Amino acid sequence: MHISTLIKMSLELTELVEDFIATRLLSKIELDFLESELWETLEHIDEITSLTSAPSKISKELKLKDGSSWQLCCAAVLDASRPQKNSRTEKLQKSINKSSLL
């Protein structure tokens, strides 16, 4: 995957998280995109060397710890929009801790 593709996906992820915080609404296509981003992160967590922290106001709005990554924010948006029996946020946090990221 090219760096420009990764940057583009990352920008879309951050914009969608910010949109969700502003409106509490995302389309099915936008949520599907976030699901695929989260899946990619979980699938390749061992290859990731660092995660970018979201601004404090974003983490706070999503009831996450200060310094939480954009990927955790994505998981929190999905948990709020499409609740599942098992929290995506907790699953990702466990993977991050296991991989010693952030």
PDB file of N, CA and C in Angstrom:
ATOM      1  N   MET A   1       0.844  -1.182   0.000  1.00  0.00           N
ATOM      2  CA  MET A   1       0.000   0.000   0.000  1.00  0.00           C
ATOM      3  C   MET A   1       0.891   1.247   0.000  1.00  0.00           C
ATOM      4  N   HIS A   2       0.555   2.215  -0.826  1.00  0.00           N
ATOM      5  CA  HIS A   2       1.340   3.442  -0.904  1.00  0.00           C
ATOM      6  C   HIS A   2       1.079   4.324   0.305  1.00  0.00           C
ATOM      7  N   ILE A   3       2.074   5.112   0.680  1.00  0.00           N
ATOM      8  CA  ILE A   3       1.954   6.047   1.802  1.00  0.00           C
ATOM      9  C   ILE A   3       0.795   7.016   1.561  1.00  0.00           C
ATOM     10  N   SER A   4       0.648   7.518   0.335  1.00  0.00           N
ATOM     11  CA  SER A   4      -0.434   8.464   0.039  1.00  0.00           C
ATOM     12  C   SER A   4      -1.798   7.833   0.287  1.00  0.00           C
ATOM     13  N   THR A   5      -1.941   6.547   0.004  1.00  0.00           N
ATOM     14  CA  THR A   5      -3.193   5.839   0.257  1.00  0.00           C
ATOM     15  C   THR A   5      -3.445   5.753   1.758  1.00  0.00           C
ATOM     16  N   LEU A   6      -2.401   5.450   2.521  1.00  0.00           N
ATOM     17  CA  LEU A   6      -2.549   5.380   3.978  1.00  0.00           C
ATOM     18  C   LEU A   6      -2.926   6.728   4.564  1.00  0.00           C
ATOM     19  N   ILE A   7      -2.294   7.790   4.074  1.00  0.00           N
ATOM     20  CA  ILE A   7      -2.604   9.137   4.561  1.00  0.00           C
ATOM     21  C   ILE A   7      -4.041   9.493   4.211  1.00  0.00           C
ATOM     22  N   LYS A   8      -4.474   9.185   2.996  1.00  0.00           N
ATOM     23  CA  LYS A   8      -5.839   9.488   2.576  1.00  0.00           C
ATOM     24  C   LYS A   8      -6.848   8.760   3.463  1.00  0.00           C
ATOM     25  N   MET A   9      -6.610   7.475   3.730  1.00  0.00           N
ATOM     26  CA  MET A   9      -7.519   6.711   4.581  1.00  0.00           C
ATOM     27  C   MET A   9      -7.541   7.289   5.987  1.00  0.00           C
ATOM     28  N   SER A  10      -6.374   7.654   6.479  1.00  0.00           N
ATOM     29  CA  SER A  10      -6.286   8.209   7.813  1.00  0.00           C
ATOM     30  C   SER A  10      -7.048   9.523   7.905  1.00  0.00           C
ATOM     31  N   LEU A  11      -6.917  10.365   6.896  1.00  0.00           N
ATOM     32  CA  LEU A  11      -7.638  11.636   6.887  1.00  0.00           C
ATOM     33  C   LEU A  11      -9.140  11.407   6.872  1.00  0.00           C
ATOM     34  N   GLU A  12      -9.593  10.443   6.078  1.00  0.00           N
ATOM     35  CA  GLU A  12     -11.018  10.144   6.037  1.00  0.00           C
ATOM     36  C   GLU A  12     -11.503   9.647   7.394  1.00  0.00           C
ATOM     37  N   LEU A  13     -10.721   8.807   8.043  1.00  0.00           N
ATOM     38  CA  LEU A  13     -11.088   8.286   9.353  1.00  0.00           C
ATOM     39  C   LEU A  13     -11.244   9.435  10.350  1.00  0.00           C
ATOM     40  N   THR A  14     -10.279  10.338  10.396  1.00  0.00           N
ATOM     41  CA  THR A  14     -10.344  11.442  11.359  1.00  0.00           C
ATOM     42  C   THR A  14     -11.523  12.358  11.053  1.00  0.00           C
ATOM     43  N   GLU A  15     -11.762  12.612   9.774  1.00  0.00           N
ATOM     44  CA  GLU A  15     -12.895  13.462   9.402  1.00  0.00           C
ATOM     45  C   GLU A  15     -14.221  12.827   9.799  1.00  0.00           C
ATOM     46  N   LEU A  16     -14.351  11.528   9.611  1.00  0.00           N
ATOM     47  CA  LEU A  16     -15.600  10.849   9.977  1.00  0.00           C
ATOM     48  C   LEU A  16     -15.807  10.837  11.484  1.00  0.00           C
ATOM     49  N   VAL A  17     -14.747  10.636  12.247  1.00  0.00           N
ATOM     50  CA  VAL A  17     -14.863  10.685  13.711  1.00  0.00           C
ATOM     51  C   VAL A  17     -15.303  12.086  14.135  1.00  0.00           C
ATOM     52  N   GLU A  18     -14.674  13.113  13.545  1.00  0.00           N
ATOM     53  CA  GLU A  18     -15.056  14.492  13.875  1.00  0.00           C
ATOM     54  C   GLU A  18     -16.498  14.783  13.470  1.00  0.00           C
ATOM     55  N   ASP A  19     -16.919  14.296  12.309  1.00  0.00           N
ATOM     56  CA  ASP A  19     -18.310  14.474  11.863  1.00  0.00           C
ATOM     57  C   ASP A  19     -19.278  13.820  12.836  1.00  0.00           C
ATOM     58  N   PHE A  20     -18.929  12.614  13.294  1.00  0.00           N
ATOM     59  CA  PHE A  20     -19.795  11.917  14.238  1.00  0.00           C
ATOM     60  C   PHE A  20     -19.952  12.721  15.526  1.00  0.00           C
ATOM     61  N   ILE A  21     -18.863  13.272  16.018  1.00  0.00           N
ATOM     62  CA  ILE A  21     -18.921  14.047  17.252  1.00  0.00           C
ATOM     63  C   ILE A  21     -19.798  15.286  17.066  1.00  0.00           C
ATOM     64  N   ALA A  22     -19.708  15.894  15.897  1.00  0.00           N
ATOM     65  CA  ALA A  22     -20.486  17.100  15.627  1.00  0.00           C
ATOM     66  C   ALA A  22     -21.977  16.812  15.457  1.00  0.00           C
ATOM     67  N   THR A  23     -22.308  15.684  14.805  1.00  0.00           N
ATOM     68  CA  THR A  23     -23.707  15.430  14.436  1.00  0.00           C
ATOM     69  C   THR A  23     -24.330  14.198  15.096  1.00  0.00           C
ATOM     70  N   ARG A  24     -23.485  13.297  15.595  1.00  0.00           N
ATOM     71  CA  ARG A  24     -23.906  11.987  16.127  1.00  0.00           C
ATOM     72  C   ARG A  24     -24.554  11.121  15.058  1.00  0.00           C
ATOM     73  N   LEU A  25     -24.286  11.455  13.782  1.00  0.00           N
ATOM     74  CA  LEU A  25     -24.848  10.696  12.667  1.00  0.00           C
ATOM     75  C   LEU A  25     -23.784  10.423  11.622  1.00  0.00           C
ATOM     76  N   LEU A  26     -23.761   9.205  11.112  1.00  0.00           N
ATOM     77  CA  LEU A  26     -22.946   8.851   9.958  1.00  0.00           C
ATOM     78  C   LEU A  26     -23.784   7.928   9.080  1.00  0.00           C
ATOM     79  N   SER A  27     -23.557   7.987   7.785  1.00  0.00           N
ATOM     80  CA  SER A  27     -24.309   7.132   6.860  1.00  0.00           C
ATOM     81  C   SER A  27     -23.825   5.687   6.980  1.00  0.00           C
ATOM     82  N   LYS A  28     -24.603   4.796   6.396  1.00  0.00           N
ATOM     83  CA  LYS A  28     -24.216   3.382   6.388  1.00  0.00           C
ATOM     84  C   LYS A  28     -22.866   3.211   5.690  1.00  0.00           C
ATOM     85  N   ILE A  29     -22.661   3.916   4.591  1.00  0.00           N
ATOM     86  CA  ILE A  29     -21.394   3.817   3.845  1.00  0.00           C
ATOM     87  C   ILE A  29     -20.232   4.311   4.699  1.00  0.00           C
ATOM     88  N   GLU A  30     -20.432   5.417   5.420  1.00  0.00           N
ATOM     89  CA  GLU A  30     -19.381   5.944   6.288  1.00  0.00           C
ATOM     90  C   GLU A  30     -19.060   4.979   7.425  1.00  0.00           C
ATOM     91  N   LEU A  31     -20.100   4.398   8.018  1.00  0.00           N
ATOM     92  CA  LEU A  31     -19.880   3.420   9.093  1.00  0.00           C
ATOM     93  C   LEU A  31     -19.202   2.164   8.557  1.00  0.00           C
ATOM     94  N   ASP A  32     -19.597   1.729   7.364  1.00  0.00           N
ATOM     95  CA  ASP A  32     -18.944   0.571   6.740  1.00  0.00           C
ATOM     96  C   ASP A  32     -17.458   0.854   6.517  1.00  0.00           C
ATOM     97  N   PHE A  33     -17.138   2.086   6.088  1.00  0.00           N
ATOM     98  CA  PHE A  33     -15.743   2.475   5.894  1.00  0.00           C
ATOM     99  C   PHE A  33     -14.982   2.381   7.216  1.00  0.00           C
ATOM    100  N   LEU A  34     -15.571   2.905   8.297  1.00  0.00           N
ATOM    101  CA  LEU A  34     -14.912   2.839   9.609  1.00  0.00           C
ATOM    102  C   LEU A  34     -14.729   1.393  10.056  1.00  0.00           C
ATOM    103  N   GLU A  35     -15.724   0.546   9.788  1.00  0.00           N
ATOM    104  CA  GLU A  35     -15.613  -0.885  10.121  1.00  0.00           C
ATOM    105  C   GLU A  35     -14.416  -1.504   9.389  1.00  0.00           C
ATOM    106  N   SER A  36     -14.262  -1.161   8.110  1.00  0.00           N
ATOM    107  CA  SER A  36     -13.157  -1.740   7.339  1.00  0.00           C
ATOM    108  C   SER A  36     -11.813  -1.209   7.834  1.00  0.00           C
ATOM    109  N   GLU A  37     -11.764   0.059   8.223  1.00  0.00           N
ATOM    110  CA  GLU A  37     -10.530   0.628   8.776  1.00  0.00           C
ATOM    111  C   GLU A  37     -10.147  -0.071  10.083  1.00  0.00           C
ATOM    112  N   LEU A  38     -11.132  -0.283  10.932  1.00  0.00           N
ATOM    113  CA  LEU A  38     -10.879  -0.942  12.209  1.00  0.00           C
ATOM    114  C   LEU A  38     -10.431  -2.386  11.979  1.00  0.00           C
ATOM    115  N   TRP A  39     -11.073  -3.064  11.048  1.00  0.00           N
ATOM    116  CA  TRP A  39     -10.692  -4.447  10.728  1.00  0.00           C
ATOM    117  C   TRP A  39      -9.239  -4.488  10.269  1.00  0.00           C
ATOM    118  N   GLU A  40      -8.867  -3.564   9.363  1.00  0.00           N
ATOM    119  CA  GLU A  40      -7.487  -3.495   8.872  1.00  0.00           C
ATOM    120  C   GLU A  40      -6.506  -3.282  10.026  1.00  0.00           C
ATOM    121  N   THR A  41      -6.854  -2.389  10.930  1.00  0.00           N
ATOM    122  CA  THR A  41      -5.985  -2.110  12.083  1.00  0.00           C
ATOM    123  C   THR A  41      -5.804  -3.362  12.921  1.00  0.00           C
ATOM    124  N   LEU A  42      -6.901  -4.033  13.215  1.00  0.00           N
ATOM    125  CA  LEU A  42      -6.832  -5.244  14.047  1.00  0.00           C
ATOM    126  C   LEU A  42      -6.067  -6.367  13.341  1.00  0.00           C
ATOM    127  N   GLU A  43      -6.262  -6.488  12.032  1.00  0.00           N
ATOM    128  CA  GLU A  43      -5.578  -7.532  11.268  1.00  0.00           C
ATOM    129  C   GLU A  43      -4.068  -7.313  11.212  1.00  0.00           C
ATOM    130  N   HIS A  44      -3.652  -6.051  11.186  1.00  0.00           N
ATOM    131  CA  HIS A  44      -2.240  -5.724  10.979  1.00  0.00           C
ATOM    132  C   HIS A  44      -1.605  -5.055  12.191  1.00  0.00           C
ATOM    133  N   ILE A  45      -2.187  -5.248  13.365  1.00  0.00           N
ATOM    134  CA  ILE A  45      -1.707  -4.577  14.577  1.00  0.00           C
ATOM    135  C   ILE A  45      -0.231  -4.892  14.848  1.00  0.00           C
ATOM    136  N   ASP A  46       0.197  -6.093  14.506  1.00  0.00           N
ATOM    137  CA  ASP A  46       1.598  -6.472  14.743  1.00  0.00           C
ATOM    138  C   ASP A  46       2.573  -5.732  13.831  1.00  0.00           C
ATOM    139  N   GLU A  47       2.073  -5.186  12.730  1.00  0.00           N
ATOM    140  CA  GLU A  47       2.923  -4.470  11.777  1.00  0.00           C
ATOM    141  C   GLU A  47       2.953  -2.969  12.045  1.00  0.00           C
ATOM    142  N   ILE A  48       2.050  -2.493  12.881  1.00  0.00           N
ATOM    143  CA  ILE A  48       1.940  -1.057  13.156  1.00  0.00           C
ATOM    144  C   ILE A  48       2.995  -0.666  14.185  1.00  0.00           C
ATOM    145  N   THR A  49       3.723   0.406  13.883  1.00  0.00           N
ATOM    146  CA  THR A  49       4.790   0.837  14.798  1.00  0.00           C
ATOM    147  C   THR A  49       4.347   1.966  15.719  1.00  0.00           C
ATOM    148  N   SER A  50       3.347   2.731  15.324  1.00  0.00           N
ATOM    149  CA  SER A  50       2.836   3.789  16.195  1.00  0.00           C
ATOM    150  C   SER A  50       1.435   4.186  15.758  1.00  0.00           C
ATOM    151  N   LEU A  51       0.719   4.781  16.687  1.00  0.00           N
ATOM    152  CA  LEU A  51      -0.629   5.278  16.414  1.00  0.00           C
ATOM    153  C   LEU A  51      -0.660   6.767  16.743  1.00  0.00           C
ATOM    154  N   THR A  52      -1.431   7.512  15.987  1.00  0.00           N
ATOM    155  CA  THR A  52      -1.547   8.951  16.214  1.00  0.00           C
ATOM    156  C   THR A  52      -2.652   9.223  17.215  1.00  0.00           C
ATOM    157  N   SER A  53      -2.340  10.034  18.209  1.00  0.00           N
ATOM    158  CA  SER A  53      -3.323  10.397  19.228  1.00  0.00           C
ATOM    159  C   SER A  53      -4.312  11.410  18.681  1.00  0.00           C
ATOM    160  N   ALA A  54      -5.547  11.243  19.063  1.00  0.00           N
ATOM    161  CA  ALA A  54      -6.574  12.217  18.721  1.00  0.00           C
ATOM    162  C   ALA A  54      -6.487  13.380  19.715  1.00  0.00           C
ATOM    163  N   PRO A  55      -6.968  14.552  19.331  1.00  0.00           N
ATOM    164  CA  PRO A  55      -6.983  15.668  20.280  1.00  0.00           C
ATOM    165  C   PRO A  55      -7.805  15.326  21.529  1.00  0.00           C
ATOM    166  N   SER A  56      -7.449  15.926  22.638  1.00  0.00           N
ATOM    167  CA  SER A  56      -8.122  15.650  23.920  1.00  0.00           C
ATOM    168  C   SER A  56      -9.630  15.820  23.838  1.00  0.00           C
ATOM    169  N   LYS A  57     -10.085  16.866  23.138  1.00  0.00           N
ATOM    170  CA  LYS A  57     -11.534  17.116  23.072  1.00  0.00           C
ATOM    171  C   LYS A  57     -12.266  15.976  22.362  1.00  0.00           C
ATOM    172  N   ILE A  58     -11.606  15.353  21.387  1.00  0.00           N
ATOM    173  CA  ILE A  58     -12.210  14.220  20.676  1.00  0.00           C
ATOM    174  C   ILE A  58     -12.298  13.014  21.617  1.00  0.00           C
ATOM    175  N   SER A  59     -11.198  12.698  22.280  1.00  0.00           N
ATOM    176  CA  SER A  59     -11.179  11.572  23.233  1.00  0.00           C
ATOM    177  C   SER A  59     -12.226  11.772  24.317  1.00  0.00           C
ATOM    178  N   LYS A  60     -12.300  12.976  24.836  1.00  0.00           N
ATOM    179  CA  LYS A  60     -13.233  13.291  25.925  1.00  0.00           C
ATOM    180  C   LYS A  60     -14.685  13.105  25.476  1.00  0.00           C
ATOM    181  N   GLU A  61     -14.996  13.583  24.280  1.00  0.00           N
ATOM    182  CA  GLU A  61     -16.358  13.446  23.741  1.00  0.00           C
ATOM    183  C   GLU A  61     -16.771  11.976  23.615  1.00  0.00           C
ATOM    184  N   LEU A  62     -15.797  11.131  23.334  1.00  0.00           N
ATOM    185  CA  LEU A  62     -16.073   9.703  23.150  1.00  0.00           C
ATOM    186  C   LEU A  62     -15.836   8.898  24.428  1.00  0.00           C
ATOM    187  N   LYS A  63     -15.599   9.621  25.524  1.00  0.00           N
ATOM    188  CA  LYS A  63     -15.385   8.995  26.841  1.00  0.00           C
ATOM    189  C   LYS A  63     -14.189   8.050  26.853  1.00  0.00           C
ATOM    190  N   LEU A  64     -13.123   8.480  26.171  1.00  0.00           N
ATOM    191  CA  LEU A  64     -11.878   7.721  26.142  1.00  0.00           C
ATOM    192  C   LEU A  64     -10.816   8.482  26.915  1.00  0.00           C
ATOM    193  N   LYS A  65      -9.746   7.777  27.282  1.00  0.00           N
ATOM    194  CA  LYS A  65      -8.635   8.413  27.989  1.00  0.00           C
ATOM    195  C   LYS A  65      -7.956   9.437  27.087  1.00  0.00           C
ATOM    196  N   ASP A  66      -7.452  10.493  27.724  1.00  0.00           N
ATOM    197  CA  ASP A  66      -6.683  11.492  26.995  1.00  0.00           C
ATOM    198  C   ASP A  66      -5.492  10.801  26.333  1.00  0.00           C
ATOM    199  N   GLY A  67      -5.203  11.144  25.106  1.00  0.00           N
ATOM    200  CA  GLY A  67      -4.105  10.502  24.386  1.00  0.00           C
ATOM    201  C   GLY A  67      -4.514   9.264  23.613  1.00  0.00           C
ATOM    202  N   SER A  68      -5.817   8.957  23.614  1.00  0.00           N
ATOM    203  CA  SER A  68      -6.296   7.794  22.859  1.00  0.00           C
ATOM    204  C   SER A  68      -6.063   8.008  21.369  1.00  0.00           C
ATOM    205  N   SER A  69      -5.799   6.919  20.669  1.00  0.00           N
ATOM    206  CA  SER A  69      -5.517   6.998  19.233  1.00  0.00           C
ATOM    207  C   SER A  69      -6.791   7.241  18.432  1.00  0.00           C
ATOM    208  N   TRP A  70      -6.582   7.703  17.208  1.00  0.00           N
ATOM    209  CA  TRP A  70      -7.710   7.876  16.291  1.00  0.00           C
ATOM    210  C   TRP A  70      -8.405   6.539  16.053  1.00  0.00           C
ATOM    211  N   GLN A  71      -7.635   5.451  16.053  1.00  0.00           N
ATOM    212  CA  GLN A  71      -8.229   4.132  15.832  1.00  0.00           C
ATOM    213  C   GLN A  71      -9.166   3.754  16.982  1.00  0.00           C
ATOM    214  N   LEU A  72      -8.774   4.095  18.213  1.00  0.00           N
ATOM    215  CA  LEU A  72      -9.665   3.837  19.353  1.00  0.00           C
ATOM    216  C   LEU A  72     -10.915   4.706  19.250  1.00  0.00           C
ATOM    217  N   CYS A  73     -10.745   5.935  18.779  1.00  0.00           N
ATOM    218  CA  CYS A  73     -11.902   6.814  18.575  1.00  0.00           C
ATOM    219  C   CYS A  73     -12.838   6.215  17.534  1.00  0.00           C
ATOM    220  N   CYS A  74     -12.267   5.661  16.479  1.00  0.00           N
ATOM    221  CA  CYS A  74     -13.056   4.981  15.446  1.00  0.00           C
ATOM    222  C   CYS A  74     -13.857   3.835  16.072  1.00  0.00           C
ATOM    223  N   ALA A  75     -13.209   3.042  16.895  1.00  0.00           N
ATOM    224  CA  ALA A  75     -13.884   1.917  17.565  1.00  0.00           C
ATOM    225  C   ALA A  75     -15.017   2.425  18.451  1.00  0.00           C
ATOM    226  N   ALA A  76     -14.783   3.536  19.155  1.00  0.00           N
ATOM    227  CA  ALA A  76     -15.811   4.096  20.036  1.00  0.00           C
ATOM    228  C   ALA A  76     -17.008   4.601  19.232  1.00  0.00           C
ATOM    229  N   VAL A  77     -16.752   5.209  18.082  1.00  0.00           N
ATOM    230  CA  VAL A  77     -17.840   5.664  17.202  1.00  0.00           C
ATOM    231  C   VAL A  77     -18.665   4.464  16.752  1.00  0.00           C
ATOM    232  N   LEU A  78     -17.993   3.397  16.361  1.00  0.00           N
ATOM    233  CA  LEU A  78     -18.709   2.191  15.921  1.00  0.00           C
ATOM    234  C   LEU A  78     -19.483   1.552  17.066  1.00  0.00           C
ATOM    235  N   ASP A  79     -18.891   1.532  18.259  1.00  0.00           N
ATOM    236  CA  ASP A  79     -19.608   0.987  19.419  1.00  0.00           C
ATOM    237  C   ASP A  79     -20.876   1.792  19.701  1.00  0.00           C
ATOM    238  N   ALA A  80     -20.800   3.109  19.535  1.00  0.00           N
ATOM    239  CA  ALA A  80     -21.963   3.968  19.782  1.00  0.00           C
ATOM    240  C   ALA A  80     -23.011   3.833  18.678  1.00  0.00           C
ATOM    241  N   SER A  81     -22.552   3.681  17.434  1.00  0.00           N
ATOM    242  CA  SER A  81     -23.467   3.644  16.290  1.00  0.00           C
ATOM    243  C   SER A  81     -24.019   2.263  15.986  1.00  0.00           C
ATOM    244  N   ARG A  82     -23.185   1.260  16.193  1.00  0.00           N
ATOM    245  CA  ARG A  82     -23.551  -0.123  15.888  1.00  0.00           C
ATOM    246  C   ARG A  82     -23.133  -1.016  17.052  1.00  0.00           C
ATOM    247  N   PRO A  83     -23.861  -0.921  18.157  1.00  0.00           N
ATOM    248  CA  PRO A  83     -23.468  -1.710  19.338  1.00  0.00           C
ATOM    249  C   PRO A  83     -23.411  -3.206  19.041  1.00  0.00           C
ATOM    250  N   GLN A  84     -22.417  -3.843  19.636  1.00  0.00           N
ATOM    251  CA  GLN A  84     -22.251  -5.292  19.545  1.00  0.00           C
ATOM    252  C   GLN A  84     -22.120  -5.844  20.958  1.00  0.00           C
ATOM    253  N   LYS A  85     -22.258  -7.156  21.054  1.00  0.00           N
ATOM    254  CA  LYS A  85     -22.098  -7.798  22.357  1.00  0.00           C
ATOM    255  C   LYS A  85     -20.711  -7.495  22.928  1.00  0.00           C
ATOM    256  N   ASN A  86     -19.674  -7.612  22.085  1.00  0.00           N
ATOM    257  CA  ASN A  86     -18.299  -7.354  22.528  1.00  0.00           C
ATOM    258  C   ASN A  86     -17.844  -5.986  22.030  1.00  0.00           C
ATOM    259  N   SER A  87     -17.370  -5.174  22.932  1.00  0.00           N
ATOM    260  CA  SER A  87     -16.927  -3.822  22.608  1.00  0.00           C
ATOM    261  C   SER A  87     -15.713  -3.833  21.682  1.00  0.00           C
ATOM    262  N   ARG A  88     -15.827  -3.097  20.577  1.00  0.00           N
ATOM    263  CA  ARG A  88     -14.703  -2.956  19.652  1.00  0.00           C
ATOM    264  C   ARG A  88     -13.575  -2.183  20.336  1.00  0.00           C
ATOM    265  N   THR A  89     -13.961  -1.193  21.139  1.00  0.00           N
ATOM    266  CA  THR A  89     -12.984  -0.359  21.827  1.00  0.00           C
ATOM    267  C   THR A  89     -12.129  -1.201  22.768  1.00  0.00           C
ATOM    268  N   GLU A  90     -12.760  -2.058  23.536  1.00  0.00           N
ATOM    269  CA  GLU A  90     -12.015  -2.921  24.460  1.00  0.00           C
ATOM    270  C   GLU A  90     -11.123  -3.902  23.697  1.00  0.00           C
ATOM    271  N   LYS A  91     -11.637  -4.457  22.609  1.00  0.00           N
ATOM    272  CA  LYS A  91     -10.857  -5.408  21.805  1.00  0.00           C
ATOM    273  C   LYS A  91      -9.609  -4.729  21.245  1.00  0.00           C
ATOM    274  N   LEU A  92      -9.779  -3.519  20.698  1.00  0.00           N
ATOM    275  CA  LEU A  92      -8.644  -2.804  20.136  1.00  0.00           C
ATOM    276  C   LEU A  92      -7.662  -2.393  21.229  1.00  0.00           C
ATOM    277  N   GLN A  93      -8.179  -1.944  22.376  1.00  0.00           N
ATOM    278  CA  GLN A  93      -7.300  -1.540  23.472  1.00  0.00           C
ATOM    279  C   GLN A  93      -6.442  -2.719  23.932  1.00  0.00           C
ATOM    280  N   LYS A  94      -7.032  -3.903  24.010  1.00  0.00           N
ATOM    281  CA  LYS A  94      -6.280  -5.101  24.395  1.00  0.00           C
ATOM    282  C   LYS A  94      -5.189  -5.393  23.367  1.00  0.00           C
ATOM    283  N   SER A  95      -5.512  -5.253  22.084  1.00  0.00           N
ATOM    284  CA  SER A  95      -4.521  -5.502  21.024  1.00  0.00           C
ATOM    285  C   SER A  95      -3.391  -4.475  21.088  1.00  0.00           C
ATOM    286  N   ILE A  96      -3.755  -3.231  21.350  1.00  0.00           N
ATOM    287  CA  ILE A  96      -2.746  -2.167  21.469  1.00  0.00           C
ATOM    288  C   ILE A  96      -1.823  -2.457  22.654  1.00  0.00           C
ATOM    289  N   ASN A  97      -2.412  -2.824  23.780  1.00  0.00           N
ATOM    290  CA  ASN A  97      -1.605  -3.133  24.970  1.00  0.00           C
ATOM    291  C   ASN A  97      -0.684  -4.329  24.713  1.00  0.00           C
ATOM    292  N   LYS A  98      -1.209  -5.333  24.051  1.00  0.00           N
ATOM    293  CA  LYS A  98      -0.433  -6.533  23.757  1.00  0.00           C
ATOM    294  C   LYS A  98       0.744  -6.218  22.830  1.00  0.00           C
ATOM    295  N   SER A  99       0.506  -5.295  21.888  1.00  0.00           N
ATOM    296  CA  SER A  99       1.551  -4.915  20.926  1.00  0.00           C
ATOM    297  C   SER A  99       2.437  -3.798  21.430  1.00  0.00           C
ATOM    298  N   SER A 100       2.178  -3.329  22.646  1.00  0.00           N
ATOM    299  CA  SER A 100       2.951  -2.237  23.257  1.00  0.00           C
ATOM    300  C   SER A 100       2.936  -0.954  22.417  1.00  0.00           C
ATOM    301  N   LEU A 101       1.797  -0.660  21.825  1.00  0.00           N
ATOM    302  CA  LEU A 101       1.622   0.597  21.090  1.00  0.00           C
ATOM    303  C   LEU A 101       1.057   1.640  22.031  1.00  0.00           C
ATOM    304  N   LEU A 102       1.386   2.878  21.803  1.00  0.00           N
ATOM    305  CA  LEU A 102       0.933   4.024  22.606  1.00  0.00           C
ATOM    306  C   LEU A 102       1.043   3.789  24.094  1.00  0.00           C
TER     307      LEU A 102
END
